[in-house]
Amino acid sequence: MPSIQHLAIGQAATITGFRDASAYAERLQSLGLVRGTRIEVVRTAPLGDPIELKLRGFRLAIRAREADCLLIEIEEPSASFRPRMPN
């Protein structure tokens, strides 16, 4: 299964579940990262951690280790989609 770290900046995915029932999974759910939620990668820190996501009308930064708990289904990009390079 792909992880959020495989997404390019501007690419979107839908959360399909969690890898395990860890404390990370519980914390992410309390922050709104629940099954069926559409997420989009806004940007990443220079070393790839943390990752800033856009979801449900707000932005959220999470650690890469926490992001690895999420199971996602990557959305097919539209014809006009062009991944952005990090700043």
PDB file of N, CA and C in Angstrom:
ATOM      1  N   MET A   1       0.837  -1.185   0.000  1.00  0.00           N
ATOM      2  CA  MET A   1       0.000   0.000   0.000  1.00  0.00           C
ATOM      3  C   MET A   1       0.880   1.247   0.000  1.00  0.00           C
ATOM      4  N   PRO A   2       0.500   2.236  -0.777  1.00  0.00           N
ATOM      5  CA  PRO A   2       1.273   3.482  -0.789  1.00  0.00           C
ATOM      6  C   PRO A   2       1.095   4.258   0.511  1.00  0.00           C
ATOM      7  N   SER A   3       2.039   5.119   0.799  1.00  0.00           N
ATOM      8  CA  SER A   3       1.929   5.974   1.981  1.00  0.00           C
ATOM      9  C   SER A   3       1.933   7.429   1.534  1.00  0.00           C
ATOM     10  N   ILE A   4       1.613   8.307   2.461  1.00  0.00           N
ATOM     11  CA  ILE A   4       1.585   9.738   2.159  1.00  0.00           C
ATOM     12  C   ILE A   4       2.943  10.206   1.644  1.00  0.00           C
ATOM     13  N   GLN A   5       4.011   9.582   2.103  1.00  0.00           N
ATOM     14  CA  GLN A   5       5.343   9.989   1.675  1.00  0.00           C
ATOM     15  C   GLN A   5       5.578   9.727   0.187  1.00  0.00           C
ATOM     16  N   HIS A   6       4.729   8.915  -0.451  1.00  0.00           N
ATOM     17  CA  HIS A   6       4.842   8.657  -1.886  1.00  0.00           C
ATOM     18  C   HIS A   6       4.121   9.704  -2.724  1.00  0.00           C
ATOM     19  N   LEU A   7       3.365  10.605  -2.081  1.00  0.00           N
ATOM     20  CA  LEU A   7       2.609  11.619  -2.808  1.00  0.00           C
ATOM     21  C   LEU A   7       3.481  12.823  -3.141  1.00  0.00           C
ATOM     22  N   ALA A   8       3.267  13.374  -4.320  1.00  0.00           N
ATOM     23  CA  ALA A   8       3.939  14.613  -4.714  1.00  0.00           C
ATOM     24  C   ALA A   8       3.181  15.789  -4.114  1.00  0.00           C
ATOM     25  N   ILE A   9       3.834  16.922  -4.016  1.00  0.00           N
ATOM     26  CA  ILE A   9       3.169  18.128  -3.536  1.00  0.00           C
ATOM     27  C   ILE A   9       2.030  18.453  -4.501  1.00  0.00           C
ATOM     28  N   GLY A  10       0.841  18.678  -3.940  1.00  0.00           N
ATOM     29  CA  GLY A  10      -0.339  18.953  -4.742  1.00  0.00           C
ATOM     30  C   GLY A  10      -1.149  17.722  -5.092  1.00  0.00           C
ATOM     31  N   GLN A  11      -0.607  16.547  -4.844  1.00  0.00           N
ATOM     32  CA  GLN A  11      -1.315  15.311  -5.153  1.00  0.00           C
ATOM     33  C   GLN A  11      -2.261  14.960  -4.006  1.00  0.00           C
ATOM     34  N   ALA A  12      -3.379  14.314  -4.339  1.00  0.00           N
ATOM     35  CA  ALA A  12      -4.405  14.006  -3.347  1.00  0.00           C
ATOM     36  C   ALA A  12      -4.618  12.503  -3.212  1.00  0.00           C
ATOM     37  N   ALA A  13      -5.192  12.129  -2.069  1.00  0.00           N
ATOM     38  CA  ALA A  13      -5.511  10.732  -1.783  1.00  0.00           C
ATOM     39  C   ALA A  13      -6.672  10.696  -0.800  1.00  0.00           C
ATOM     40  N   THR A  14      -7.251   9.520  -0.649  1.00  0.00           N
ATOM     41  CA  THR A  14      -8.320   9.305   0.319  1.00  0.00           C
ATOM     42  C   THR A  14      -7.835   8.296   1.343  1.00  0.00           C
ATOM     43  N   ILE A  15      -8.099   8.566   2.609  1.00  0.00           N
ATOM     44  CA  ILE A  15      -7.710   7.648   3.678  1.00  0.00           C
ATOM     45  C   ILE A  15      -8.638   6.440   3.643  1.00  0.00           C
ATOM     46  N   THR A  16      -8.051   5.241   3.600  1.00  0.00           N
ATOM     47  CA  THR A  16      -8.843   4.011   3.572  1.00  0.00           C
ATOM     48  C   THR A  16      -8.764   3.238   4.880  1.00  0.00           C
ATOM     49  N   GLY A  17      -7.842   3.599   5.752  1.00  0.00           N
ATOM     50  CA  GLY A  17      -7.716   2.899   7.025  1.00  0.00           C
ATOM     51  C   GLY A  17      -6.387   3.199   7.686  1.00  0.00           C
ATOM     52  N   PHE A  18      -6.025   2.325   8.633  1.00  0.00           N
ATOM     53  CA  PHE A  18      -4.801   2.488   9.409  1.00  0.00           C
ATOM     54  C   PHE A  18      -4.030   1.180   9.433  1.00  0.00           C
ATOM     55  N   ARG A  19      -2.715   1.268   9.473  1.00  0.00           N
ATOM     56  CA  ARG A  19      -1.873   0.072   9.482  1.00  0.00           C
ATOM     57  C   ARG A  19      -2.033  -0.742  10.762  1.00  0.00           C
ATOM     58  N   ASP A  20      -2.266  -0.074  11.862  1.00  0.00           N
ATOM     59  CA  ASP A  20      -2.434  -0.773  13.133  1.00  0.00           C
ATOM     60  C   ASP A  20      -3.248   0.099  14.079  1.00  0.00           C
ATOM     61  N   ALA A  21      -3.544  -0.419  15.232  1.00  0.00           N
ATOM     62  CA  ALA A  21      -4.344   0.323  16.221  1.00  0.00           C
ATOM     63  C   ALA A  21      -3.428   0.981  17.246  1.00  0.00           C
ATOM     64  N   SER A  22      -2.407   1.647  16.769  1.00  0.00           N
ATOM     65  CA  SER A  22      -1.431   2.276  17.658  1.00  0.00           C
ATOM     66  C   SER A  22      -1.960   3.585  18.222  1.00  0.00           C
ATOM     67  N   ALA A  23      -1.202   4.149  19.132  1.00  0.00           N
ATOM     68  CA  ALA A  23      -1.545   5.460  19.686  1.00  0.00           C
ATOM     69  C   ALA A  23      -1.505   6.517  18.584  1.00  0.00           C
ATOM     70  N   TYR A  24      -0.627   6.331  17.596  1.00  0.00           N
ATOM     71  CA  TYR A  24      -0.570   7.270  16.471  1.00  0.00           C
ATOM     72  C   TYR A  24      -1.905   7.275  15.732  1.00  0.00           C
ATOM     73  N   ALA A  25      -2.440   6.097  15.446  1.00  0.00           N
ATOM     74  CA  ALA A  25      -3.709   5.999  14.721  1.00  0.00           C
ATOM     75  C   ALA A  25      -4.820   6.696  15.492  1.00  0.00           C
ATOM     76  N   GLU A  26      -4.860   6.492  16.778  1.00  0.00           N
ATOM     77  CA  GLU A  26      -5.879   7.137  17.612  1.00  0.00           C
ATOM     78  C   GLU A  26      -5.726   8.658  17.581  1.00  0.00           C
ATOM     79  N   ARG A  27      -4.495   9.129  17.665  1.00  0.00           N
ATOM     80  CA  ARG A  27      -4.239  10.574  17.640  1.00  0.00           C
ATOM     81  C   ARG A  27      -4.644  11.176  16.296  1.00  0.00           C
ATOM     82  N   LEU A  28      -4.292  10.507  15.203  1.00  0.00           N
ATOM     83  CA  LEU A  28      -4.635  11.008  13.875  1.00  0.00           C
ATOM     84  C   LEU A  28      -6.151  11.086  13.682  1.00  0.00           C
ATOM     85  N   GLN A  29      -6.864  10.094  14.188  1.00  0.00           N
ATOM     86  CA  GLN A  29      -8.323  10.116  14.082  1.00  0.00           C
ATOM     87  C   GLN A  29      -8.902  11.291  14.859  1.00  0.00           C
ATOM     88  N   SER A  30      -8.325  11.590  16.014  1.00  0.00           N
ATOM     89  CA  SER A  30      -8.826  12.718  16.806  1.00  0.00           C
ATOM     90  C   SER A  30      -8.561  14.056  16.110  1.00  0.00           C
ATOM     91  N   LEU A  31      -7.606  14.084  15.176  1.00  0.00           N
ATOM     92  CA  LEU A  31      -7.288  15.297  14.417  1.00  0.00           C
ATOM     93  C   LEU A  31      -8.094  15.407  13.119  1.00  0.00           C
ATOM     94  N   GLY A  32      -8.966  14.430  12.857  1.00  0.00           N
ATOM     95  CA  GLY A  32      -9.808  14.479  11.664  1.00  0.00           C
ATOM     96  C   GLY A  32      -9.362  13.586  10.527  1.00  0.00           C
ATOM     97  N   LEU A  33      -8.281  12.859  10.708  1.00  0.00           N
ATOM     98  CA  LEU A  33      -7.786  11.956   9.670  1.00  0.00           C
ATOM     99  C   LEU A  33      -8.475  10.602   9.836  1.00  0.00           C
ATOM    100  N   VAL A  34      -9.700  10.513   9.337  1.00  0.00           N
ATOM    101  CA  VAL A  34     -10.500   9.302   9.470  1.00  0.00           C
ATOM    102  C   VAL A  34     -10.770   8.709   8.092  1.00  0.00           C
ATOM    103  N   ARG A  35     -11.210   7.462   8.085  1.00  0.00           N
ATOM    104  CA  ARG A  35     -11.502   6.762   6.835  1.00  0.00           C
ATOM    105  C   ARG A  35     -12.453   7.592   5.971  1.00  0.00           C
ATOM    106  N   GLY A  36     -12.133   7.713   4.690  1.00  0.00           N
ATOM    107  CA  GLY A  36     -12.962   8.458   3.753  1.00  0.00           C
ATOM    108  C   GLY A  36     -12.569   9.920   3.584  1.00  0.00           C
ATOM    109  N   THR A  37     -11.643  10.405   4.406  1.00  0.00           N
ATOM    110  CA  THR A  37     -11.214  11.802   4.323  1.00  0.00           C
ATOM    111  C   THR A  37     -10.267  11.994   3.142  1.00  0.00           C
ATOM    112  N   ARG A  38     -10.516  13.041   2.359  1.00  0.00           N
ATOM    113  CA  ARG A  38      -9.632  13.393   1.241  1.00  0.00           C
ATOM    114  C   ARG A  38      -8.536  14.295   1.785  1.00  0.00           C
ATOM    115  N   ILE A  39      -7.303  13.965   1.452  1.00  0.00           N
ATOM    116  CA  ILE A  39      -6.155  14.761   1.888  1.00  0.00           C
ATOM    117  C   ILE A  39      -5.350  15.181   0.664  1.00  0.00           C
ATOM    118  N   GLU A  40      -4.650  16.291   0.805  1.00  0.00           N
ATOM    119  CA  GLU A  40      -3.764  16.772  -0.257  1.00  0.00           C
ATOM    120  C   GLU A  40      -2.461  17.216   0.387  1.00  0.00           C
ATOM    121  N   VAL A  41      -1.336  16.842  -0.209  1.00  0.00           N
ATOM    122  CA  VAL A  41      -0.037  17.266   0.303  1.00  0.00           C
ATOM    123  C   VAL A  41       0.198  18.707  -0.129  1.00  0.00           C
ATOM    124  N   VAL A  42       0.402  19.592   0.847  1.00  0.00           N
ATOM    125  CA  VAL A  42       0.647  21.008   0.574  1.00  0.00           C
ATOM    126  C   VAL A  42       2.138  21.248   0.417  1.00  0.00           C
ATOM    127  N   ARG A  43       2.918  20.736   1.352  1.00  0.00           N
ATOM    128  CA  ARG A  43       4.381  20.874   1.283  1.00  0.00           C
ATOM    129  C   ARG A  43       5.021  19.970   2.324  1.00  0.00           C
ATOM    130  N   THR A  44       6.323  19.811   2.170  1.00  0.00           N
ATOM    131  CA  THR A  44       7.097  19.042   3.141  1.00  0.00           C
ATOM    132  C   THR A  44       8.282  19.883   3.588  1.00  0.00           C
ATOM    133  N   ALA A  45       8.784  19.571   4.753  1.00  0.00           N
ATOM    134  CA  ALA A  45       9.987  20.239   5.242  1.00  0.00           C
ATOM    135  C   ALA A  45      11.167  19.800   4.371  1.00  0.00           C
ATOM    136  N   PRO A  46      12.263  20.543   4.390  1.00  0.00           N
ATOM    137  CA  PRO A  46      13.406  20.218   3.534  1.00  0.00           C
ATOM    138  C   PRO A  46      13.893  18.770   3.633  1.00  0.00           C
ATOM    139  N   LEU A  47      13.832  18.175   4.806  1.00  0.00           N
ATOM    140  CA  LEU A  47      14.280  16.790   4.955  1.00  0.00           C
ATOM    141  C   LEU A  47      13.118  15.804   4.894  1.00  0.00           C
ATOM    142  N   GLY A  48      11.929  16.285   4.498  1.00  0.00           N
ATOM    143  CA  GLY A  48      10.776  15.410   4.328  1.00  0.00           C
ATOM    144  C   GLY A  48       9.932  15.197   5.567  1.00  0.00           C
ATOM    145  N   ASP A  49      10.251  15.873   6.648  1.00  0.00           N
ATOM    146  CA  ASP A  49       9.519  15.674   7.896  1.00  0.00           C
ATOM    147  C   ASP A  49       9.476  16.982   8.662  1.00  0.00           C
ATOM    148  N   PRO A  50       8.330  17.542   8.982  1.00  0.00           N
ATOM    149  CA  PRO A  50       6.981  16.999   8.833  1.00  0.00           C
ATOM    150  C   PRO A  50       6.399  17.228   7.442  1.00  0.00           C
ATOM    151  N   ILE A  51       5.174  16.720   7.266  1.00  0.00           N
ATOM    152  CA  ILE A  51       4.426  16.849   6.021  1.00  0.00           C
ATOM    153  C   ILE A  51       3.192  17.697   6.316  1.00  0.00           C
ATOM    154  N   GLU A  52       2.955  18.722   5.498  1.00  0.00           N
ATOM    155  CA  GLU A  52       1.761  19.549   5.680  1.00  0.00           C
ATOM    156  C   GLU A  52       0.666  19.062   4.744  1.00  0.00           C
ATOM    157  N   LEU A  53      -0.505  18.786   5.324  1.00  0.00           N
ATOM    158  CA  LEU A  53      -1.651  18.281   4.577  1.00  0.00           C
ATOM    159  C   LEU A  53      -2.791  19.279   4.600  1.00  0.00           C
ATOM    160  N   LYS A  54      -3.605  19.240   3.562  1.00  0.00           N
ATOM    161  CA  LYS A  54      -4.846  20.020   3.536  1.00  0.00           C
ATOM    162  C   LYS A  54      -5.992  19.017   3.586  1.00  0.00           C
ATOM    163  N   LEU A  55      -6.902  19.222   4.531  1.00  0.00           N
ATOM    164  CA  LEU A  55      -8.055  18.345   4.666  1.00  0.00           C
ATOM    165  C   LEU A  55      -9.190  19.080   5.353  1.00  0.00           C
ATOM    166  N   ARG A  56     -10.403  18.786   4.972  1.00  0.00           N
ATOM    167  CA  ARG A  56     -11.602  19.325   5.625  1.00  0.00           C
ATOM    168  C   ARG A  56     -11.551  20.839   5.855  1.00  0.00           C
ATOM    169  N   GLY A  57     -10.917  21.573   4.948  1.00  0.00           N
ATOM    170  CA  GLY A  57     -10.886  23.025   5.050  1.00  0.00           C
ATOM    171  C   GLY A  57      -9.809  23.597   5.951  1.00  0.00           C
ATOM    172  N   PHE A  58      -8.879  22.784   6.426  1.00  0.00           N
ATOM    173  CA  PHE A  58      -7.772  23.307   7.225  1.00  0.00           C
ATOM    174  C   PHE A  58      -6.485  22.588   6.846  1.00  0.00           C
ATOM    175  N   ARG A  59      -5.389  23.092   7.376  1.00  0.00           N
ATOM    176  CA  ARG A  59      -4.069  22.495   7.120  1.00  0.00           C
ATOM    177  C   ARG A  59      -3.529  21.899   8.404  1.00  0.00           C
ATOM    178  N   LEU A  60      -2.827  20.794   8.254  1.00  0.00           N
ATOM    179  CA  LEU A  60      -2.317  20.054   9.395  1.00  0.00           C
ATOM    180  C   LEU A  60      -0.928  19.531   9.064  1.00  0.00           C
ATOM    181  N   ALA A  61       0.021  19.740   9.959  1.00  0.00           N
ATOM    182  CA  ALA A  61       1.369  19.191   9.784  1.00  0.00           C
ATOM    183  C   ALA A  61       1.509  17.979  10.694  1.00  0.00           C
ATOM    184  N   ILE A  62       1.955  16.865  10.114  1.00  0.00           N
ATOM    185  CA  ILE A  62       2.174  15.655  10.905  1.00  0.00           C
ATOM    186  C   ILE A  62       3.555  15.091  10.593  1.00  0.00           C
ATOM    187  N   ARG A  63       4.075  14.345  11.537  1.00  0.00           N
ATOM    188  CA  ARG A  63       5.384  13.707  11.348  1.00  0.00           C
ATOM    189  C   ARG A  63       5.263  12.570  10.336  1.00  0.00           C
ATOM    190  N   ALA A  64       6.335  12.308   9.636  1.00  0.00           N
ATOM    191  CA  ALA A  64       6.351  11.222   8.657  1.00  0.00           C
ATOM    192  C   ALA A  64       6.053   9.889   9.331  1.00  0.00           C
ATOM    193  N   ARG A  65       6.537   9.698  10.537  1.00  0.00           N
ATOM    194  CA  ARG A  65       6.298   8.456  11.280  1.00  0.00           C
ATOM    195  C   ARG A  65       4.801   8.260  11.530  1.00  0.00           C
ATOM    196  N   GLU A  66       4.099   9.350  11.847  1.00  0.00           N
ATOM    197  CA  GLU A  66       2.652   9.271  12.049  1.00  0.00           C
ATOM    198  C   GLU A  66       1.938   9.027  10.721  1.00  0.00           C
ATOM    199  N   ALA A  67       2.395   9.698   9.677  1.00  0.00           N
ATOM    200  CA  ALA A  67       1.779   9.544   8.354  1.00  0.00           C
ATOM    201  C   ALA A  67       1.870   8.104   7.862  1.00  0.00           C
ATOM    202  N   ASP A  68       2.912   7.389   8.257  1.00  0.00           N
ATOM    203  CA  ASP A  68       3.073   5.998   7.844  1.00  0.00           C
ATOM    204  C   ASP A  68       1.978   5.093   8.391  1.00  0.00           C
ATOM    205  N   CYS A  69       1.253   5.531   9.415  1.00  0.00           N
ATOM    206  CA  CYS A  69       0.145   4.742   9.972  1.00  0.00           C
ATOM    207  C   CYS A  69      -1.064   4.725   9.049  1.00  0.00           C
ATOM    208  N   LEU A  70      -1.147   5.701   8.143  1.00  0.00           N
ATOM    209  CA  LEU A  70      -2.325   5.837   7.287  1.00  0.00           C
ATOM    210  C   LEU A  70      -2.238   4.948   6.053  1.00  0.00           C
ATOM    211  N   LEU A  71      -3.339   4.276   5.743  1.00  0.00           N
ATOM    212  CA  LEU A  71      -3.487   3.572   4.474  1.00  0.00           C
ATOM    213  C   LEU A  71      -4.261   4.508   3.559  1.00  0.00           C
ATOM    214  N   ILE A  72      -3.784   4.682   2.343  1.00  0.00           N
ATOM    215  CA  ILE A  72      -4.424   5.637   1.435  1.00  0.00           C
ATOM    216  C   ILE A  72      -4.659   5.023   0.065  1.00  0.00           C
ATOM    217  N   GLU A  73      -5.580   5.639  -0.657  1.00  0.00           N
ATOM    218  CA  GLU A  73      -5.795   5.330  -2.063  1.00  0.00           C
ATOM    219  C   GLU A  73      -5.512   6.619  -2.822  1.00  0.00           C
ATOM    220  N   ILE A  74      -4.512   6.591  -3.668  1.00  0.00           N
ATOM    221  CA  ILE A  74      -4.096   7.786  -4.397  1.00  0.00           C
ATOM    222  C   ILE A  74      -5.108   8.098  -5.491  1.00  0.00           C
ATOM    223  N   GLU A  75      -5.510   9.369  -5.569  1.00  0.00           N
ATOM    224  CA  GLU A  75      -6.428   9.807  -6.618  1.00  0.00           C
ATOM    225  C   GLU A  75      -5.679   9.896  -7.933  1.00  0.00           C
ATOM    226  N   GLU A  76      -6.369   9.542  -8.994  1.00  0.00           N
ATOM    227  CA  GLU A  76      -5.787   9.698 -10.321  1.00  0.00           C
ATOM    228  C   GLU A  76      -5.687  11.188 -10.617  1.00  0.00           C
ATOM    229  N   PRO A  77      -4.523  11.677 -10.985  1.00  0.00           N
ATOM    230  CA  PRO A  77      -4.392  13.110 -11.278  1.00  0.00           C
ATOM    231  C   PRO A  77      -5.146  13.484 -12.547  1.00  0.00           C
ATOM    232  N   SER A  78      -5.646  14.698 -12.565  1.00  0.00           N
ATOM    233  CA  SER A  78      -6.317  15.193 -13.769  1.00  0.00           C
ATOM    234  C   SER A  78      -5.262  15.466 -14.837  1.00  0.00           C
ATOM    235  N   ALA A  79      -5.712  15.683 -16.046  1.00  0.00           N
ATOM    236  CA  ALA A  79      -4.782  15.931 -17.159  1.00  0.00           C
ATOM    237  C   ALA A  79      -3.945  17.181 -16.924  1.00  0.00           C
ATOM    238  N   SER A  80      -4.471  18.127 -16.148  1.00  0.00           N
ATOM    239  CA  SER A  80      -3.749  19.381 -15.917  1.00  0.00           C
ATOM    240  C   SER A  80      -2.842  19.328 -14.687  1.00  0.00           C
ATOM    241  N   PHE A  81      -2.837  18.193 -13.955  1.00  0.00           N
ATOM    242  CA  PHE A  81      -2.029  18.100 -12.737  1.00  0.00           C
ATOM    243  C   PHE A  81      -0.544  18.081 -13.067  1.00  0.00           C
ATOM    244  N   ARG A  82       0.193  18.935 -12.375  1.00  0.00           N
ATOM    245  CA  ARG A  82       1.653  18.957 -12.481  1.00  0.00           C
ATOM    246  C   ARG A  82       2.201  19.026 -11.077  1.00  0.00           C
ATOM    247  N   PRO A  83       2.915  17.996 -10.624  1.00  0.00           N
ATOM    248  CA  PRO A  83       3.455  18.039  -9.265  1.00  0.00           C
ATOM    249  C   PRO A  83       4.356  19.251  -9.084  1.00  0.00           C
ATOM    250  N   ARG A  84       4.249  19.879  -7.941  1.00  0.00           N
ATOM    251  CA  ARG A  84       5.102  21.031  -7.628  1.00  0.00           C
ATOM    252  C   ARG A  84       6.334  20.548  -6.885  1.00  0.00           C
ATOM    253  N   MET A  85       7.404  21.227  -7.104  1.00  0.00           N
ATOM    254  CA  MET A  85       8.646  20.921  -6.404  1.00  0.00           C
ATOM    255  C   MET A  85       8.643  21.667  -5.080  1.00  0.00           C
ATOM    256  N   PRO A  86       9.217  21.066  -4.025  1.00  0.00           N
ATOM    257  CA  PRO A  86       9.297  21.777  -2.746  1.00  0.00           C
ATOM    258  C   PRO A  86      10.119  23.045  -2.874  1.00  0.00           C
ATOM    259  N   ASN A  87       9.796  24.030  -2.038  1.00  0.00           N
ATOM    260  CA  ASN A  87      10.530  25.310  -2.053  1.00  0.00           C
ATOM    261  C   ASN A  87      11.905  25.154  -1.503  1.00  0.00           C
TER     262      ASN A  87
END
